[in-house]
Amino acid sequence: MTLLERLKALHPQSIDLSLGRIERLLAALAHPERKLPPVVHVAGTNGKGSLIAFVRAIAQALGKRVHVYTSPHLVNFHERIVLAGAAGSAPITEDRLVDCLARAEATNGGELITLFEITTAAAFLAFAETPADLLLLETGLGGRLDATNVVEKPLVTSITPISIDHVSFLGHTLPSIAGEKAGILKPGVPCVVGRQDERALKVIEARAEAVGAPLHVFGRDFDVFEQHRRLIFQTASRLLDLPLPRLNGRHQIDNAGAAIATASVAFGDALTVEALEQGLSHAEWPARLERLGDDGGLYQYVGDGTEIWLDGGHNAAGGQAIAHALAEFDERVPRAVHLVWGMMETKDAHAFIAPFKGLVERVYTVPIPEETNAFSAEALAEIAASERFDATPTAGIAHALMQSKAALGRPGRVLICGSLYLAGHVLKLHGR
């Protein structure tokens, strides 16, 4: 049994979101969470990883050494823990990962604990033992009772757009989910709040007032928009004219704006326009409206000139953002669009697919390999058909792309979407 398999076996029969298990383990490990570099703690439903990617690139442009903690991974587990180093940040090495996980496992002593919790403890060991100027820390699930929420005094917190997701753990309404996300707010610690539904914003504002956390709110304290193919960021005292972000989609303008506001709070007067320009232009975050290079393995299955795009979005808001981006692509370069779609059963498939009406000619559904709680291709095709899409179940990515090629008969645009787990599988097939 591998180390990760042993750790998965410690998982409680049902997840009860709690800080008790992680606090017990961290105490036994001599509290590495108290020895971290300054922390930017990020919660939200959509855009967390993108915001972190922008802040990371901005910080590195300032010459900062940056640790990063995100989840889930796409291809390799090591992606979750990125360590600062002399040559820049890089995923933790195999030896270091095994060492930190083994120490956490030994200290845990066989007690029940989730894989995310013990991974977080191992990450904190690595972060505490490696010099850095900043740690970008993404919550896993929610915020209030998330394993990352043991950091008592972060430098700044940030809450990206909140929407309906993980309802079995966070609640079925936007205010209940917002209440969980707002649990990362700390007394005296500034929080940057991205674009929010008014119902979510009211909950965040109430929590901020209760704990004494100053807020920097999108649309009130800062704004961002596109103008003449440039990104405009403004506050009451500052107006910045910057390049559009490297990441695709209009929603990335909002994410970039929240990242600029977060970096402004974190770095103050040390933040330069040059660092912002470089950060926006160099940020990387795979499988977020990423156009796959034509030198990879998947292009053997599509016709010449056809584009393959990949996105791991998996909820209603994600579907809306991707559909909006597809519409923008079509305005600039019109092409027939086919969707290759796989999804987990825990997600609202109807809400995800609905925004694509009128944008895609056909939908090809696929299973997600090695995921037992994923929709079957047949079940997803039925859902797509019920939403009035021309849908065909297929055996997998290669089969779906070949079916699409035969139906297109001309250069088109294929979007593979619906799950980060599917996205990771696709990147492996493509040779990433």
Protein backbone atom coordinates (compact mmCIF):
# COMPACT_ATOMS: atom_id res chain seq x y z
CA MET A 1 0.00 0.00 0.00
CA THR A 2 1.42 3.40 -0.99
CA LEU A 3 1.71 6.30 1.43
CA LEU A 4 -1.25 8.13 -0.13
CA GLU A 5 -3.35 4.97 -0.03
CA ARG A 6 -2.55 4.54 3.67
CA LEU A 7 -3.53 8.15 4.34
CA LYS A 8 -6.81 7.78 2.43
CA ALA A 9 -7.61 4.77 4.64
CA LEU A 10 -7.59 7.06 7.70
CA HIS A 11 -10.47 9.06 6.22
CA PRO A 12 -13.58 9.31 8.43
CA GLN A 13 -16.64 7.45 7.14
CA SER A 14 -18.35 10.81 6.63
CA ILE A 15 -16.79 14.25 6.46
CA ASP A 16 -17.82 16.45 9.36
CA LEU A 17 -16.20 19.79 8.70
CA SER A 18 -14.22 20.52 11.83
CA LEU A 19 -10.93 22.06 12.89
CA GLY A 20 -10.45 19.59 15.74
CA ARG A 21 -8.50 16.94 13.82
CA ILE A 22 -6.10 19.36 12.11
CA GLU A 23 -5.56 21.36 15.33
CA ARG A 24 -4.68 18.15 17.20
CA LEU A 25 -2.17 17.10 14.56
CA LEU A 26 -0.57 20.54 14.20
CA ALA A 27 -0.13 20.78 17.97
CA ALA A 28 1.65 17.42 17.97
CA LEU A 29 3.88 18.69 15.13
CA ALA A 30 4.91 21.71 17.23
CA HIS A 31 2.61 24.16 15.42
CA PRO A 32 4.15 24.71 11.99
CA GLU A 33 1.16 26.95 11.17
CA ARG A 34 2.64 29.51 13.57
CA LYS A 35 5.97 29.57 11.70
CA LEU A 36 4.70 30.40 8.21
CA PRO A 37 5.71 33.42 6.13
CA PRO A 38 3.02 36.15 5.73
CA VAL A 39 -0.17 34.53 4.43
CA VAL A 40 -2.69 35.61 1.80
CA HIS A 41 -5.71 33.41 2.58
CA VAL A 42 -8.20 32.95 -0.28
CA ALA A 43 -11.75 31.58 -0.18
CA GLY A 44 -14.66 31.68 -2.64
CA THR A 45 -16.44 29.44 -5.13
CA ASN A 46 -14.93 30.43 -8.47
CA GLY A 47 -11.70 32.21 -9.33
CA LYS A 48 -9.59 31.31 -6.28
CA GLY A 49 -6.85 29.66 -8.31
CA SER A 50 -6.82 32.41 -10.93
CA LEU A 51 -6.53 35.12 -8.29
CA ILE A 52 -3.67 33.22 -6.68
CA ALA A 53 -1.97 32.83 -10.07
CA PHE A 54 -2.11 36.59 -10.63
CA VAL A 55 -0.90 37.48 -7.13
CA ARG A 56 1.90 34.92 -7.41
CA ALA A 57 3.08 36.40 -10.72
CA ILE A 58 2.87 39.95 -9.35
CA ALA A 59 4.78 39.01 -6.19
CA GLN A 60 7.47 37.23 -8.15
CA ALA A 61 7.81 40.27 -10.42
CA LEU A 62 8.59 42.21 -7.24
CA GLY A 63 11.34 39.70 -6.45
CA LYS A 64 9.36 37.95 -3.69
CA ARG A 65 9.86 34.29 -2.82
CA VAL A 66 6.41 32.68 -2.91
CA HIS A 67 4.90 29.46 -1.53
CA VAL A 68 1.53 28.30 -2.94
CA TYR A 69 -1.05 25.82 -1.62
CA THR A 70 -3.96 24.88 -3.92
CA SER A 71 -6.25 21.92 -4.57
CA PRO A 72 -7.14 19.69 -6.25
CA HIS A 73 -4.16 18.88 -8.45
CA LEU A 74 -4.53 18.30 -12.17
CA VAL A 75 -1.79 15.83 -13.13
CA ASN A 76 0.53 15.28 -10.15
CA PHE A 77 -0.24 15.45 -6.43
CA HIS A 78 2.91 17.56 -5.98
CA GLU A 79 1.16 20.50 -7.73
CA ARG A 80 -0.75 21.17 -4.51
CA ILE A 81 2.38 22.26 -2.63
CA VAL A 82 4.60 24.78 -4.44
CA LEU A 83 7.75 25.89 -2.64
CA ALA A 84 9.86 28.99 -3.14
CA GLY A 85 13.42 28.38 -4.21
CA ALA A 86 16.52 30.04 -5.60
CA ALA A 87 15.29 29.53 -9.17
CA GLY A 88 11.69 30.51 -8.38
CA SER A 89 8.72 28.54 -7.09
CA ALA A 90 8.29 24.89 -8.07
CA PRO A 91 6.17 21.90 -6.98
CA ILE A 92 7.53 20.07 -3.97
CA THR A 93 9.95 17.28 -4.82
CA GLU A 94 9.01 13.62 -4.39
CA ASP A 95 11.49 13.11 -1.54
CA ARG A 96 10.33 16.20 0.33
CA LEU A 97 6.66 15.36 -0.14
CA VAL A 98 7.14 11.80 1.14
CA ASP A 99 9.17 13.08 4.09
CA CYS A 100 6.56 15.63 5.19
CA LEU A 101 3.61 13.29 4.67
CA ALA A 102 5.39 10.46 6.51
CA ARG A 103 6.14 12.74 9.46
CA ALA A 104 2.52 13.85 9.57
CA GLU A 105 1.34 10.24 9.31
CA ALA A 106 3.62 9.07 12.12
CA THR A 107 2.60 11.94 14.37
CA ASN A 108 -1.10 11.38 13.64
CA GLY A 109 -0.74 7.89 15.08
CA GLY A 110 -3.53 6.25 13.10
CA GLU A 111 -6.26 8.64 14.25
CA LEU A 112 -9.10 9.45 11.86
CA ILE A 113 -8.24 12.38 9.61
CA THR A 114 -9.10 13.43 6.07
CA LEU A 115 -6.51 13.32 3.29
CA PHE A 116 -6.87 17.08 2.82
CA GLU A 117 -6.24 17.70 6.51
CA ILE A 118 -3.10 15.58 6.71
CA THR A 119 -1.87 17.02 3.40
CA THR A 120 -2.40 20.52 4.81
CA ALA A 121 -0.36 19.61 7.89
CA ALA A 122 2.43 18.23 5.69
CA ALA A 123 2.31 21.37 3.53
CA PHE A 124 2.62 23.58 6.61
CA LEU A 125 5.72 21.62 7.62
CA ALA A 126 7.28 22.23 4.21
CA PHE A 127 6.27 25.89 4.14
CA ALA A 128 7.54 26.55 7.67
CA GLU A 129 10.89 24.91 6.96
CA THR A 130 11.55 26.68 3.62
CA PRO A 131 12.34 30.42 3.55
CA ALA A 132 9.83 32.58 1.68
CA ASP A 133 8.35 36.05 1.70
CA LEU A 134 4.74 35.04 1.10
CA LEU A 135 2.37 32.07 1.26
CA LEU A 136 -0.68 32.04 -1.01
CA LEU A 137 -3.11 29.72 0.78
CA GLU A 138 -6.28 28.47 -0.88
CA THR A 139 -9.12 26.98 1.15
CA GLY A 140 -10.21 23.49 0.22
CA LEU A 141 -13.90 23.43 1.13
CA GLY A 142 -15.74 26.44 2.54
CA GLY A 143 -13.64 28.51 4.90
CA ARG A 144 -14.92 28.64 8.47
CA LEU A 145 -14.11 24.99 9.20
CA ASP A 146 -11.57 24.44 6.42
CA ALA A 147 -8.25 22.91 7.49
CA THR A 148 -6.40 26.01 6.24
CA ASN A 149 -8.35 28.25 8.61
CA VAL A 150 -5.96 27.60 11.50
CA VAL A 151 -3.79 30.57 10.49
CA GLU A 152 -4.62 33.09 13.19
CA LYS A 153 -3.31 36.32 11.66
CA PRO A 154 -2.94 36.31 7.86
CA LEU A 155 -1.54 39.34 6.09
CA VAL A 156 -4.70 39.72 4.03
CA THR A 157 -7.71 37.58 3.12
CA SER A 158 -9.56 37.54 -0.18
CA ILE A 159 -13.02 36.21 -1.09
CA THR A 160 -13.66 35.52 -4.77
CA PRO A 161 -17.19 35.29 -6.27
CA ILE A 162 -19.50 33.00 -4.32
CA SER A 163 -22.07 30.77 -6.00
CA ILE A 164 -23.92 27.53 -5.34
CA ASP A 165 -21.56 24.56 -4.96
CA HIS A 166 -20.77 21.80 -2.42
CA VAL A 167 -24.31 22.15 -1.06
CA SER A 168 -24.11 18.97 1.02
CA PHE A 169 -21.36 20.56 3.11
CA LEU A 170 -21.93 24.32 2.88
CA GLY A 171 -25.70 24.68 2.59
CA HIS A 172 -28.24 25.06 -0.20
CA THR A 173 -28.54 28.85 -0.23
CA LEU A 174 -26.18 31.61 -1.23
CA PRO A 175 -26.26 33.27 2.24
CA SER A 176 -25.42 29.98 3.99
CA ILE A 177 -22.50 29.32 1.64
CA ALA A 178 -21.31 32.92 2.01
CA GLY A 179 -21.39 32.49 5.79
CA GLU A 180 -18.98 29.56 5.52
CA LYS A 181 -16.65 31.41 3.13
CA ALA A 182 -16.68 34.52 5.34
CA GLY A 183 -15.37 32.37 8.18
CA ILE A 184 -11.80 33.20 7.06
CA LEU A 185 -12.24 36.85 8.15
CA LYS A 186 -10.03 37.75 11.11
CA PRO A 187 -10.02 40.74 13.50
CA GLY A 188 -8.01 43.61 12.08
CA VAL A 189 -7.03 41.69 8.93
CA PRO A 190 -8.09 43.43 5.70
CA CYS A 191 -10.20 41.41 3.27
CA VAL A 192 -10.52 42.01 -0.47
CA VAL A 193 -13.99 41.02 -1.69
CA GLY A 194 -14.44 40.22 -5.38
CA ARG A 195 -17.64 40.75 -7.37
CA GLN A 196 -20.53 39.29 -5.35
CA ASP A 197 -24.25 38.74 -5.48
CA GLU A 198 -25.83 41.21 -3.06
CA ARG A 199 -27.10 38.37 -0.85
CA ALA A 200 -23.57 37.04 -0.39
CA LEU A 201 -22.10 40.51 0.10
CA LYS A 202 -24.52 41.30 2.93
CA VAL A 203 -23.39 38.18 4.80
CA ILE A 204 -19.71 39.03 4.29
CA GLU A 205 -20.27 42.62 5.45
CA ALA A 206 -22.11 41.46 8.56
CA ARG A 207 -19.32 39.03 9.44
CA ALA A 208 -16.68 41.70 8.83
CA GLU A 209 -18.46 44.09 11.18
CA ALA A 210 -18.81 41.39 13.83
CA VAL A 211 -15.09 40.51 13.87
CA GLY A 212 -13.67 43.92 13.01
CA ALA A 213 -12.20 43.11 9.58
CA PRO A 214 -11.80 46.06 7.18
CA LEU A 215 -13.19 45.32 3.72
CA HIS A 216 -12.07 46.37 0.24
CA VAL A 217 -15.12 45.64 -1.89
CA PHE A 218 -15.40 45.31 -5.67
CA GLY A 219 -17.60 48.05 -7.08
CA ARG A 220 -17.29 50.19 -3.97
CA ASP A 221 -13.63 50.50 -3.04
CA PHE A 222 -12.15 49.39 -6.36
CA ASP A 223 -13.34 48.69 -9.87
CA VAL A 224 -11.91 47.01 -12.96
CA PHE A 225 -13.05 46.87 -16.56
CA GLU A 226 -11.84 46.47 -20.12
CA GLN A 227 -11.45 49.54 -22.29
CA HIS A 228 -9.82 49.69 -25.74
CA ARG A 229 -8.26 46.23 -25.22
CA ARG A 230 -6.66 47.37 -21.98
CA LEU A 231 -7.45 46.61 -18.32
CA ILE A 232 -8.45 49.66 -16.28
CA PHE A 233 -8.19 49.42 -12.50
CA GLN A 234 -9.35 52.28 -10.35
CA THR A 235 -9.86 53.33 -6.76
CA ALA A 236 -10.82 56.72 -5.31
CA SER A 237 -7.18 57.79 -5.47
CA ARG A 238 -5.63 55.71 -8.26
CA LEU A 239 -6.21 54.94 -11.95
CA LEU A 240 -4.13 52.25 -13.66
CA ASP A 241 -4.00 51.45 -17.39
CA LEU A 242 -2.65 47.89 -17.71
CA PRO A 243 -2.43 45.08 -20.27
CA LEU A 244 -5.26 42.57 -20.41
CA PRO A 245 -4.57 39.42 -18.40
CA ARG A 246 -2.94 36.46 -20.08
CA LEU A 247 -5.73 34.16 -18.88
CA ASN A 248 -8.71 33.99 -21.25
CA GLY A 249 -12.28 35.11 -20.60
CA ARG A 250 -13.99 38.25 -19.40
CA HIS A 251 -14.27 36.78 -15.90
CA GLN A 252 -10.47 36.91 -15.68
CA ILE A 253 -10.65 40.70 -15.79
CA ASP A 254 -12.62 40.57 -12.54
CA ASN A 255 -10.17 38.04 -11.09
CA ALA A 256 -7.24 40.23 -12.10
CA GLY A 257 -8.86 43.26 -10.51
CA ALA A 258 -9.33 41.42 -7.21
CA ALA A 259 -5.71 40.24 -7.44
CA ILE A 260 -4.48 43.80 -7.97
CA ALA A 261 -6.50 44.95 -4.95
CA THR A 262 -5.10 42.04 -2.90
CA ALA A 263 -1.53 42.80 -3.97
CA SER A 264 -2.08 46.48 -3.18
CA VAL A 265 -3.06 45.62 0.39
CA ALA A 266 -0.28 43.05 0.76
CA PHE A 267 2.60 45.11 -0.63
CA GLY A 268 1.48 48.71 -0.17
CA ASP A 269 3.84 51.31 -1.62
CA ALA A 270 6.28 48.58 -2.72
CA LEU A 271 3.86 47.53 -5.46
CA THR A 272 4.92 48.93 -8.82
CA VAL A 273 3.10 49.34 -12.11
CA GLU A 274 5.87 47.33 -13.76
CA ALA A 275 5.21 44.39 -11.42
CA LEU A 276 1.48 44.58 -12.16
CA GLU A 277 2.10 44.63 -15.90
CA GLN A 278 4.45 41.68 -15.71
CA GLY A 279 2.16 39.76 -13.37
CA LEU A 280 -0.91 40.12 -15.59
CA SER A 281 1.08 39.19 -18.69
CA HIS A 282 2.85 36.15 -17.22
CA ALA A 283 0.30 34.52 -14.89
CA GLU A 284 -0.26 30.82 -15.58
CA TRP A 285 -3.16 28.66 -14.43
CA PRO A 286 -3.73 25.48 -16.49
CA ALA A 287 -7.15 24.17 -17.58
CA ARG A 288 -8.88 27.52 -17.19
CA LEU A 289 -10.02 28.32 -20.72
CA GLU A 290 -6.66 27.06 -21.87
CA ARG A 291 -6.09 26.52 -25.57
CA LEU A 292 -4.10 23.30 -25.88
CA GLY A 293 -0.97 23.53 -28.01
CA ASP A 294 -1.13 21.75 -31.36
CA ASP A 295 2.05 19.83 -30.56
CA GLY A 296 0.23 17.60 -28.05
CA GLY A 297 -1.26 14.13 -28.42
CA LEU A 298 -4.93 15.08 -28.78
CA TYR A 299 -4.57 16.86 -32.10
CA GLN A 300 -4.20 13.54 -33.90
CA TYR A 301 -7.94 13.07 -33.36
CA VAL A 302 -9.21 16.37 -34.81
CA GLY A 303 -9.14 17.97 -38.23
CA ASP A 304 -6.51 20.44 -39.35
CA GLY A 305 -7.22 23.92 -38.05
CA THR A 306 -9.57 22.82 -35.28
CA GLU A 307 -8.87 24.38 -31.88
CA ILE A 308 -9.02 22.36 -28.65
CA TRP A 309 -9.84 24.29 -25.48
CA LEU A 310 -9.91 22.97 -21.90
CA ASP A 311 -11.66 24.25 -18.79
CA GLY A 312 -12.21 22.61 -15.41
CA GLY A 313 -15.24 24.71 -14.40
CA HIS A 314 -17.97 22.55 -12.86
CA ASN A 315 -20.81 24.67 -11.44
CA ALA A 316 -23.49 27.02 -12.74
CA ALA A 317 -21.34 30.14 -12.44
CA GLY A 318 -18.47 28.35 -14.15
CA GLY A 319 -20.73 27.31 -17.01
CA GLN A 320 -21.93 30.88 -17.44
CA ALA A 321 -18.37 32.26 -17.50
CA ILE A 322 -17.20 29.68 -20.06
CA ALA A 323 -20.27 30.22 -22.26
CA HIS A 324 -19.72 33.98 -22.17
CA ALA A 325 -16.12 33.47 -23.27
CA LEU A 326 -17.21 31.16 -26.11
CA ALA A 327 -19.60 33.84 -27.33
CA GLU A 328 -16.74 36.36 -27.33
CA PHE A 329 -14.51 33.94 -29.26
CA ASP A 330 -17.28 33.52 -31.83
CA GLU A 331 -17.64 37.28 -32.25
CA ARG A 332 -13.95 37.58 -33.10
CA VAL A 333 -13.46 34.37 -35.11
CA PRO A 334 -16.74 32.55 -35.85
CA ARG A 335 -16.45 28.76 -35.78
CA ALA A 336 -18.70 25.82 -35.13
CA VAL A 337 -18.35 24.72 -31.49
CA HIS A 338 -18.60 21.22 -30.08
CA LEU A 339 -18.59 20.41 -26.37
CA VAL A 340 -16.88 17.34 -24.89
CA TRP A 341 -18.42 17.05 -21.45
CA GLY A 342 -17.75 14.96 -18.34
CA MET A 343 -18.93 15.70 -14.81
CA MET A 344 -19.11 14.44 -11.25
CA GLU A 345 -22.50 13.33 -9.91
CA THR A 346 -22.14 15.73 -6.97
CA LYS A 347 -22.49 18.68 -9.37
CA ASP A 348 -25.62 20.25 -10.89
CA ALA A 349 -25.20 19.15 -14.49
CA HIS A 350 -28.38 20.88 -15.70
CA ALA A 351 -27.26 24.23 -14.30
CA PHE A 352 -23.79 23.86 -15.82
CA ILE A 353 -24.88 22.97 -19.37
CA ALA A 354 -27.84 25.36 -19.70
CA PRO A 355 -25.80 28.53 -20.49
CA PHE A 356 -24.37 26.89 -23.64
CA LYS A 357 -27.74 26.90 -25.44
CA GLY A 358 -27.40 28.52 -28.84
CA LEU A 359 -23.60 28.43 -28.69
CA VAL A 360 -22.72 24.80 -29.42
CA GLU A 361 -23.78 22.57 -32.29
CA ARG A 362 -23.22 19.25 -30.56
CA VAL A 363 -22.36 17.77 -27.17
CA TYR A 364 -20.30 14.60 -26.78
CA THR A 365 -20.39 13.17 -23.26
CA VAL A 366 -17.55 11.16 -21.71
CA PRO A 367 -16.94 9.20 -18.50
CA ILE A 368 -14.21 10.41 -16.14
CA PRO A 369 -11.62 7.63 -15.73
CA GLU A 370 -11.03 6.28 -12.21
CA GLU A 371 -13.82 8.42 -10.70
CA THR A 372 -16.56 6.15 -9.34
CA ASN A 373 -18.96 8.99 -8.57
CA ALA A 374 -18.82 10.56 -12.02
CA PHE A 375 -21.82 10.63 -14.34
CA SER A 376 -21.81 7.95 -16.99
CA ALA A 377 -21.62 9.24 -20.54
CA GLU A 378 -25.15 7.92 -21.11
CA ALA A 379 -26.59 9.74 -18.09
CA LEU A 380 -24.94 13.01 -19.09
CA ALA A 381 -26.20 12.65 -22.66
CA GLU A 382 -29.74 12.28 -21.32
CA ILE A 383 -29.30 15.44 -19.26
CA ALA A 384 -27.97 17.35 -22.28
CA ALA A 385 -30.83 16.06 -24.42
CA SER A 386 -33.35 17.17 -21.77
CA GLU A 387 -31.86 20.65 -22.12
CA ARG A 388 -32.41 20.38 -25.91
CA PHE A 389 -28.84 19.76 -27.01
CA ASP A 390 -27.86 17.33 -29.75
CA ALA A 391 -25.99 14.92 -27.46
CA THR A 392 -24.05 11.71 -28.08
CA PRO A 393 -22.48 9.50 -25.39
CA THR A 394 -18.93 8.33 -26.19
CA ALA A 395 -16.38 5.95 -24.70
CA GLY A 396 -13.80 8.62 -23.89
CA ILE A 397 -11.89 11.69 -25.02
CA ALA A 398 -10.31 10.19 -28.14
CA HIS A 399 -13.63 8.72 -29.30
CA ALA A 400 -15.41 12.02 -28.65
CA LEU A 401 -12.84 14.03 -30.63
CA MET A 402 -13.02 11.61 -33.56
CA GLN A 403 -16.82 11.83 -33.55
CA SER A 404 -16.56 15.61 -33.47
CA LYS A 405 -14.10 15.62 -36.39
CA ALA A 406 -16.46 13.53 -38.51
CA ALA A 407 -19.41 15.78 -37.73
CA LEU A 408 -17.59 19.09 -38.19
CA GLY A 409 -16.11 18.46 -41.60
CA ARG A 410 -14.32 21.82 -41.34
CA PRO A 411 -12.06 23.64 -38.86
CA GLY A 412 -13.97 24.17 -35.64
CA ARG A 413 -13.61 24.76 -31.95
CA VAL A 414 -13.85 21.92 -29.40
CA LEU A 415 -14.19 22.68 -25.70
CA ILE A 416 -13.53 19.91 -23.18
CA CYS A 417 -15.15 20.86 -19.88
CA GLY A 418 -17.12 20.00 -16.76
CA SER A 419 -14.57 18.77 -14.22
CA LEU A 420 -11.06 19.43 -12.95
CA TYR A 421 -10.63 15.65 -12.67
CA LEU A 422 -11.47 15.33 -16.36
CA ALA A 423 -9.11 18.23 -17.12
CA GLY A 424 -6.25 16.44 -15.40
CA HIS A 425 -6.94 13.29 -17.42
CA VAL A 426 -6.98 15.36 -20.62
CA LEU A 427 -3.64 17.01 -19.83
CA LYS A 428 -2.08 13.59 -19.31
CA LEU A 429 -3.44 12.39 -22.66
CA HIS A 430 -2.12 15.52 -24.31
CA GLY A 431 1.36 14.87 -22.94
CA ARG A 432 1.54 17.47 -20.15
